[in-house]
Amino acid sequence: MEQGLVALAAGLAIGLGAFGAATAQAKAAAATFEGVTRNPSSKDAVFVPFILALAFMEFQAILAFIVAFLLLQG
């Protein structure tokens, strides 16, 4: 019974982490593309913060994977 709950917790951790990261990346990309479409000259100023934000979002998904992995190992 306890192992089943741990597996459920690991599944929820990776599922919610991946869902949150994917949703945030989609919103960030949509906002960036809309901003560049409205003002094409802002492309260079927006690119680095956009990539940095995507890296932080991806780090969230990696942390969720690590938490799920540690739950299953313990």
PDB file of N, CA and C in Angstrom:
ATOM      1  N   MET A   1       0.830  -1.199   0.000  1.00  0.00           N
ATOM      2  CA  MET A   1       0.000   0.000   0.000  1.00  0.00           C
ATOM      3  C   MET A   1       0.869   1.255   0.000  1.00  0.00           C
ATOM      4  N   GLU A   2       1.900   1.276   0.873  1.00  0.00           N
ATOM      5  CA  GLU A   2       2.744   2.463   0.970  1.00  0.00           C
ATOM      6  C   GLU A   2       3.527   2.705  -0.315  1.00  0.00           C
ATOM      7  N   GLN A   3       3.993   1.626  -0.949  1.00  0.00           N
ATOM      8  CA  GLN A   3       4.743   1.770  -2.203  1.00  0.00           C
ATOM      9  C   GLN A   3       3.845   2.332  -3.307  1.00  0.00           C
ATOM     10  N   GLY A   4       2.575   1.966  -3.289  1.00  0.00           N
ATOM     11  CA  GLY A   4       1.636   2.502  -4.272  1.00  0.00           C
ATOM     12  C   GLY A   4       1.421   3.998  -4.104  1.00  0.00           C
ATOM     13  N   LEU A   5       1.362   4.453  -2.855  1.00  0.00           N
ATOM     14  CA  LEU A   5       1.199   5.889  -2.611  1.00  0.00           C
ATOM     15  C   LEU A   5       2.445   6.669  -3.016  1.00  0.00           C
ATOM     16  N   VAL A   6       3.611   6.064  -2.804  1.00  0.00           N
ATOM     17  CA  VAL A   6       4.859   6.715  -3.218  1.00  0.00           C
ATOM     18  C   VAL A   6       4.901   6.822  -4.742  1.00  0.00           C
ATOM     19  N   ALA A   7       4.476   5.771  -5.427  1.00  0.00           N
ATOM     20  CA  ALA A   7       4.443   5.804  -6.887  1.00  0.00           C
ATOM     21  C   ALA A   7       3.446   6.854  -7.381  1.00  0.00           C
ATOM     22  N   LEU A   8       2.325   6.973  -6.707  1.00  0.00           N
ATOM     23  CA  LEU A   8       1.340   7.991  -7.063  1.00  0.00           C
ATOM     24  C   LEU A   8       1.907   9.397  -6.857  1.00  0.00           C
ATOM     25  N   ALA A   9       2.625   9.593  -5.741  1.00  0.00           N
ATOM     26  CA  ALA A   9       3.233  10.891  -5.471  1.00  0.00           C
ATOM     27  C   ALA A   9       4.289  11.226  -6.521  1.00  0.00           C
ATOM     28  N   ALA A  10       5.073  10.229  -6.920  1.00  0.00           N
ATOM     29  CA  ALA A  10       6.092  10.463  -7.952  1.00  0.00           C
ATOM     30  C   ALA A  10       5.435  10.813  -9.282  1.00  0.00           C
ATOM     31  N   GLY A  11       4.383  10.113  -9.621  1.00  0.00           N
ATOM     32  CA  GLY A  11       3.667  10.417 -10.858  1.00  0.00           C
ATOM     33  C   GLY A  11       3.057  11.804 -10.850  1.00  0.00           C
ATOM     34  N   LEU A  12       2.490  12.186  -9.728  1.00  0.00           N
ATOM     35  CA  LEU A  12       1.933  13.538  -9.621  1.00  0.00           C
ATOM     36  C   LEU A  12       3.025  14.598  -9.693  1.00  0.00           C
ATOM     37  N   ALA A  13       4.169  14.328  -9.073  1.00  0.00           N
ATOM     38  CA  ALA A  13       5.268  15.302  -9.094  1.00  0.00           C
ATOM     39  C   ALA A  13       5.737  15.553 -10.516  1.00  0.00           C
ATOM     40  N   ILE A  14       5.993  14.502 -11.269  1.00  0.00           N
ATOM     41  CA  ILE A  14       6.486  14.695 -12.633  1.00  0.00           C
ATOM     42  C   ILE A  14       5.380  15.232 -13.544  1.00  0.00           C
ATOM     43  N   GLY A  15       4.157  14.772 -13.330  1.00  0.00           N
ATOM     44  CA  GLY A  15       3.044  15.245 -14.166  1.00  0.00           C
ATOM     45  C   GLY A  15       2.765  16.723 -13.979  1.00  0.00           C
ATOM     46  N   LEU A  16       2.673  17.153 -12.728  1.00  0.00           N
ATOM     47  CA  LEU A  16       2.397  18.567 -12.469  1.00  0.00           C
ATOM     48  C   LEU A  16       3.582  19.450 -12.848  1.00  0.00           C
ATOM     49  N   GLY A  17       4.788  18.959 -12.605  1.00  0.00           N
ATOM     50  CA  GLY A  17       5.966  19.733 -12.986  1.00  0.00           C
ATOM     51  C   GLY A  17       6.067  19.920 -14.488  1.00  0.00           C
ATOM     52  N   ALA A  18       5.822  18.857 -15.232  1.00  0.00           N
ATOM     53  CA  ALA A  18       5.881  18.949 -16.693  1.00  0.00           C
ATOM     54  C   ALA A  18       4.738  19.804 -17.232  1.00  0.00           C
ATOM     55  N   PHE A  19       3.556  19.664 -16.648  1.00  0.00           N
ATOM     56  CA  PHE A  19       2.416  20.463 -17.091  1.00  0.00           C
ATOM     57  C   PHE A  19       2.658  21.945 -16.839  1.00  0.00           C
ATOM     58  N   GLY A  20       3.178  22.262 -15.656  1.00  0.00           N
ATOM     59  CA  GLY A  20       3.454  23.661 -15.331  1.00  0.00           C
ATOM     60  C   GLY A  20       4.499  24.262 -16.250  1.00  0.00           C
ATOM     61  N   ALA A  21       5.564  23.510 -16.508  1.00  0.00           N
ATOM     62  CA  ALA A  21       6.625  24.015 -17.382  1.00  0.00           C
ATOM     63  C   ALA A  21       6.124  24.196 -18.810  1.00  0.00           C
ATOM     64  N   ALA A  22       5.375  23.237 -19.311  1.00  0.00           N
ATOM     65  CA  ALA A  22       4.880  23.329 -20.688  1.00  0.00           C
ATOM     66  C   ALA A  22       3.894  24.481 -20.843  1.00  0.00           C
ATOM     67  N   THR A  23       3.034  24.658 -19.861  1.00  0.00           N
ATOM     68  CA  THR A  23       2.070  25.759 -19.919  1.00  0.00           C
ATOM     69  C   THR A  23       2.782  27.113 -19.881  1.00  0.00           C
ATOM     70  N   ALA A  24       3.758  27.230 -19.000  1.00  0.00           N
ATOM     71  CA  ALA A  24       4.499  28.487 -18.896  1.00  0.00           C
ATOM     72  C   ALA A  24       5.291  28.771 -20.165  1.00  0.00           C
ATOM     73  N   GLN A  25       5.890  27.739 -20.754  1.00  0.00           N
ATOM     74  CA  GLN A  25       6.649  27.943 -21.985  1.00  0.00           C
ATOM     75  C   GLN A  25       5.729  28.367 -23.125  1.00  0.00           C
ATOM     76  N   ALA A  26       4.552  27.795 -23.193  1.00  0.00           N
ATOM     77  CA  ALA A  26       3.609  28.180 -24.245  1.00  0.00           C
ATOM     78  C   ALA A  26       3.174  29.636 -24.085  1.00  0.00           C
ATOM     79  N   LYS A  27       2.885  30.044 -22.855  1.00  0.00           N
ATOM     80  CA  LYS A  27       2.473  31.432 -22.629  1.00  0.00           C
ATOM     81  C   LYS A  27       3.620  32.404 -22.913  1.00  0.00           C
ATOM     82  N   ALA A  28       4.833  32.026 -22.518  1.00  0.00           N
ATOM     83  CA  ALA A  28       5.981  32.906 -22.762  1.00  0.00           C
ATOM     84  C   ALA A  28       6.251  33.040 -24.257  1.00  0.00           C
ATOM     85  N   ALA A  29       6.172  31.934 -24.969  1.00  0.00           N
ATOM     86  CA  ALA A  29       6.403  31.984 -26.415  1.00  0.00           C
ATOM     87  C   ALA A  29       5.325  32.810 -27.108  1.00  0.00           C
ATOM     88  N   ALA A  30       4.086  32.627 -26.706  1.00  0.00           N
ATOM     89  CA  ALA A  30       2.999  33.390 -27.324  1.00  0.00           C
ATOM     90  C   ALA A  30       3.165  34.888 -27.071  1.00  0.00           C
ATOM     91  N   ALA A  31       3.531  35.242 -25.848  1.00  0.00           N
ATOM     92  CA  ALA A  31       3.710  36.662 -25.534  1.00  0.00           C
ATOM     93  C   ALA A  31       4.905  37.251 -26.283  1.00  0.00           C
ATOM     94  N   THR A  32       5.972  36.471 -26.376  1.00  0.00           N
ATOM     95  CA  THR A  32       7.155  36.959 -27.096  1.00  0.00           C
ATOM     96  C   THR A  32       6.868  37.142 -28.574  1.00  0.00           C
ATOM     97  N   PHE A  33       6.220  36.161 -29.180  1.00  0.00           N
ATOM     98  CA  PHE A  33       5.910  36.268 -30.611  1.00  0.00           C
ATOM     99  C   PHE A  33       4.944  37.404 -30.883  1.00  0.00           C
ATOM    100  N   GLU A  34       3.986  37.596 -29.992  1.00  0.00           N
ATOM    101  CA  GLU A  34       3.054  38.700 -30.177  1.00  0.00           C
ATOM    102  C   GLU A  34       3.769  40.037 -30.043  1.00  0.00           C
ATOM    103  N   GLY A  35       4.677  40.132 -29.071  1.00  0.00           N
ATOM    104  CA  GLY A  35       5.427  41.375 -28.906  1.00  0.00           C
ATOM    105  C   GLY A  35       6.323  41.680 -30.087  1.00  0.00           C
ATOM    106  N   VAL A  36       6.990  40.661 -30.619  1.00  0.00           N
ATOM    107  CA  VAL A  36       7.866  40.875 -31.775  1.00  0.00           C
ATOM    108  C   VAL A  36       7.034  41.183 -33.017  1.00  0.00           C
ATOM    109  N   THR A  37       5.863  40.598 -33.110  1.00  0.00           N
ATOM    110  CA  THR A  37       4.989  40.891 -34.247  1.00  0.00           C
ATOM    111  C   THR A  37       4.530  42.344 -34.216  1.00  0.00           C
ATOM    112  N   ARG A  38       4.217  42.839 -33.034  1.00  0.00           N
ATOM    113  CA  ARG A  38       3.782  44.240 -32.915  1.00  0.00           C
ATOM    114  C   ARG A  38       4.934  45.218 -33.117  1.00  0.00           C
ATOM    115  N   ASN A  39       6.134  44.821 -32.671  1.00  0.00           N
ATOM    116  CA  ASN A  39       7.298  45.706 -32.767  1.00  0.00           C
ATOM    117  C   ASN A  39       8.502  44.876 -33.203  1.00  0.00           C
ATOM    118  N   PRO A  40       8.703  44.707 -34.495  1.00  0.00           N
ATOM    119  CA  PRO A  40       9.786  43.844 -34.978  1.00  0.00           C
ATOM    120  C   PRO A  40      11.186  44.302 -34.560  1.00  0.00           C
ATOM    121  N   SER A  41      11.368  45.562 -34.276  1.00  0.00           N
ATOM    122  CA  SER A  41      12.696  46.041 -33.897  1.00  0.00           C
ATOM    123  C   SER A  41      13.085  45.613 -32.477  1.00  0.00           C
ATOM    124  N   SER A  42      12.135  45.088 -31.711  1.00  0.00           N
ATOM    125  CA  SER A  42      12.429  44.649 -30.343  1.00  0.00           C
ATOM    126  C   SER A  42      12.943  43.215 -30.288  1.00  0.00           C
ATOM    127  N   LYS A  43      13.129  42.599 -31.450  1.00  0.00           N
ATOM    128  CA  LYS A  43      13.537  41.193 -31.497  1.00  0.00           C
ATOM    129  C   LYS A  43      14.837  40.947 -30.747  1.00  0.00           C
ATOM    130  N   ASP A  44      15.824  41.787 -30.941  1.00  0.00           N
ATOM    131  CA  ASP A  44      17.120  41.588 -30.297  1.00  0.00           C
ATOM    132  C   ASP A  44      17.048  41.808 -28.783  1.00  0.00           C
ATOM    133  N   ALA A  45      16.223  42.739 -28.345  1.00  0.00           N
ATOM    134  CA  ALA A  45      16.113  43.026 -26.918  1.00  0.00           C
ATOM    135  C   ALA A  45      15.315  41.966 -26.169  1.00  0.00           C
ATOM    136  N   VAL A  46      14.460  41.254 -26.865  1.00  0.00           N
ATOM    137  CA  VAL A  46      13.580  40.275 -26.230  1.00  0.00           C
ATOM    138  C   VAL A  46      14.188  38.872 -26.236  1.00  0.00           C
ATOM    139  N   PHE A  47      15.106  38.612 -27.136  1.00  0.00           N
ATOM    140  CA  PHE A  47      15.598  37.244 -27.342  1.00  0.00           C
ATOM    141  C   PHE A  47      16.287  36.657 -26.110  1.00  0.00           C
ATOM    142  N   VAL A  48      17.239  37.365 -25.524  1.00  0.00           N
ATOM    143  CA  VAL A  48      17.995  36.817 -24.388  1.00  0.00           C
ATOM    144  C   VAL A  48      17.105  36.604 -23.158  1.00  0.00           C
ATOM    145  N   PRO A  49      16.267  37.563 -22.760  1.00  0.00           N
ATOM    146  CA  PRO A  49      15.379  37.280 -21.617  1.00  0.00           C
ATOM    147  C   PRO A  49      14.406  36.126 -21.886  1.00  0.00           C
ATOM    148  N   PHE A  50      13.978  35.987 -23.130  1.00  0.00           N
ATOM    149  CA  PHE A  50      13.072  34.890 -23.488  1.00  0.00           C
ATOM    150  C   PHE A  50      13.766  33.544 -23.316  1.00  0.00           C
ATOM    151  N   ILE A  51      14.983  33.417 -23.821  1.00  0.00           N
ATOM    152  CA  ILE A  51      15.726  32.168 -23.697  1.00  0.00           C
ATOM    153  C   ILE A  51      16.037  31.875 -22.230  1.00  0.00           C
ATOM    154  N   LEU A  52      16.386  32.894 -21.465  1.00  0.00           N
ATOM    155  CA  LEU A  52      16.664  32.715 -20.049  1.00  0.00           C
ATOM    156  C   LEU A  52      15.421  32.246 -19.305  1.00  0.00           C
ATOM    157  N   ALA A  53      14.274  32.822 -19.625  1.00  0.00           N
ATOM    158  CA  ALA A  53      13.021  32.397 -18.994  1.00  0.00           C
ATOM    159  C   ALA A  53      12.692  30.949 -19.354  1.00  0.00           C
ATOM    160  N   LEU A  54      12.916  30.573 -20.607  1.00  0.00           N
ATOM    161  CA  LEU A  54      12.675  29.181 -20.999  1.00  0.00           C
ATOM    162  C   LEU A  54      13.595  28.228 -20.251  1.00  0.00           C
ATOM    163  N   ALA A  55      14.824  28.644 -20.007  1.00  0.00           N
ATOM    164  CA  ALA A  55      15.759  27.795 -19.263  1.00  0.00           C
ATOM    165  C   ALA A  55      15.283  27.589 -17.830  1.00  0.00           C
ATOM    166  N   PHE A  56      14.778  28.636 -17.194  1.00  0.00           N
ATOM    167  CA  PHE A  56      14.258  28.488 -15.835  1.00  0.00           C
ATOM    168  C   PHE A  56      13.023  27.590 -15.798  1.00  0.00           C
ATOM    169  N   MET A  57      12.179  27.693 -16.804  1.00  0.00           N
ATOM    170  CA  MET A  57      10.995  26.838 -16.861  1.00  0.00           C
ATOM    171  C   MET A  57      11.383  25.378 -17.057  1.00  0.00           C
ATOM    172  N   GLU A  58      12.379  25.149 -17.881  1.00  0.00           N
ATOM    173  CA  GLU A  58      12.847  23.784 -18.105  1.00  0.00           C
ATOM    174  C   GLU A  58      13.501  23.233 -16.840  1.00  0.00           C
ATOM    175  N   PHE A  59      14.158  24.093 -16.087  1.00  0.00           N
ATOM    176  CA  PHE A  59      14.754  23.681 -14.816  1.00  0.00           C
ATOM    177  C   PHE A  59      13.677  23.220 -13.850  1.00  0.00           C
ATOM    178  N   GLN A  60      12.508  23.850 -13.890  1.00  0.00           N
ATOM    179  CA  GLN A  60      11.385  23.418 -13.054  1.00  0.00           C
ATOM    180  C   GLN A  60      10.986  21.989 -13.394  1.00  0.00           C
ATOM    181  N   ALA A  61      10.928  21.670 -14.663  1.00  0.00           N
ATOM    182  CA  ALA A  61      10.567  20.316 -15.075  1.00  0.00           C
ATOM    183  C   ALA A  61      11.641  19.315 -14.663  1.00  0.00           C
ATOM    184  N   ILE A  62      12.902  19.704 -14.754  1.00  0.00           N
ATOM    185  CA  ILE A  62      13.991  18.811 -14.339  1.00  0.00           C
ATOM    186  C   ILE A  62      13.938  18.573 -12.834  1.00  0.00           C
ATOM    187  N   LEU A  63      13.645  19.615 -12.061  1.00  0.00           N
ATOM    188  CA  LEU A  63      13.520  19.436 -10.619  1.00  0.00           C
ATOM    189  C   LEU A  63      12.359  18.503 -10.271  1.00  0.00           C
ATOM    190  N   ALA A  64      11.260  18.595 -10.991  1.00  0.00           N
ATOM    191  CA  ALA A  64      10.140  17.690 -10.755  1.00  0.00           C
ATOM    192  C   ALA A  64      10.550  16.250 -11.045  1.00  0.00           C
ATOM    193  N   PHE A  65      11.336  16.046 -12.094  1.00  0.00           N
ATOM    194  CA  PHE A  65      11.834  14.710 -12.407  1.00  0.00           C
ATOM    195  C   PHE A  65      12.740  14.193 -11.297  1.00  0.00           C
ATOM    196  N   ILE A  66      13.603  15.055 -10.774  1.00  0.00           N
ATOM    197  CA  ILE A  66      14.504  14.655  -9.692  1.00  0.00           C
ATOM    198  C   ILE A  66      13.711  14.284  -8.442  1.00  0.00           C
ATOM    199  N   VAL A  67      12.699  15.068  -8.108  1.00  0.00           N
ATOM    200  CA  VAL A  67      11.858  14.761  -6.948  1.00  0.00           C
ATOM    201  C   VAL A  67      11.168  13.421  -7.140  1.00  0.00           C
ATOM    202  N   ALA A  68      10.627  13.182  -8.322  1.00  0.00           N
ATOM    203  CA  ALA A  68       9.960  11.906  -8.586  1.00  0.00           C
ATOM    204  C   ALA A  68      10.945  10.748  -8.481  1.00  0.00           C
ATOM    205  N   PHE A  69      12.139  10.933  -9.006  1.00  0.00           N
ATOM    206  CA  PHE A  69      13.167   9.893  -8.944  1.00  0.00           C
ATOM    207  C   PHE A  69      13.558   9.616  -7.500  1.00  0.00           C
ATOM    208  N   LEU A  70      13.745  10.659  -6.703  1.00  0.00           N
ATOM    209  CA  LEU A  70      14.120  10.469  -5.299  1.00  0.00           C
ATOM    210  C   LEU A  70      12.992   9.810  -4.500  1.00  0.00           C
ATOM    211  N   LEU A  71      11.759  10.126  -4.825  1.00  0.00           N
ATOM    212  CA  LEU A  71      10.639   9.461  -4.150  1.00  0.00           C
ATOM    213  C   LEU A  71      10.641   7.952  -4.419  1.00  0.00           C
ATOM    214  N   LEU A  72      10.936   7.580  -5.642  1.00  0.00           N
ATOM    215  CA  LEU A  72      10.927   6.155  -5.986  1.00  0.00           C
ATOM    216  C   LEU A  72      12.140   5.411  -5.427  1.00  0.00           C
ATOM    217  N   GLN A  73      13.236   6.121  -5.194  1.00  0.00           N
ATOM    218  CA  GLN A  73      14.432   5.472  -4.665  1.00  0.00           C
ATOM    219  C   GLN A  73      14.368   5.261  -3.150  1.00  0.00           C
ATOM    220  N   GLY A  74      13.599   6.094  -2.441  1.00  0.00           N
ATOM    221  CA  GLY A  74      13.579   6.047  -0.985  1.00  0.00           C
ATOM    222  C   GLY A  74      12.676   5.080  -0.414  1.00  0.00           C
TER     223      GLY A  74
END
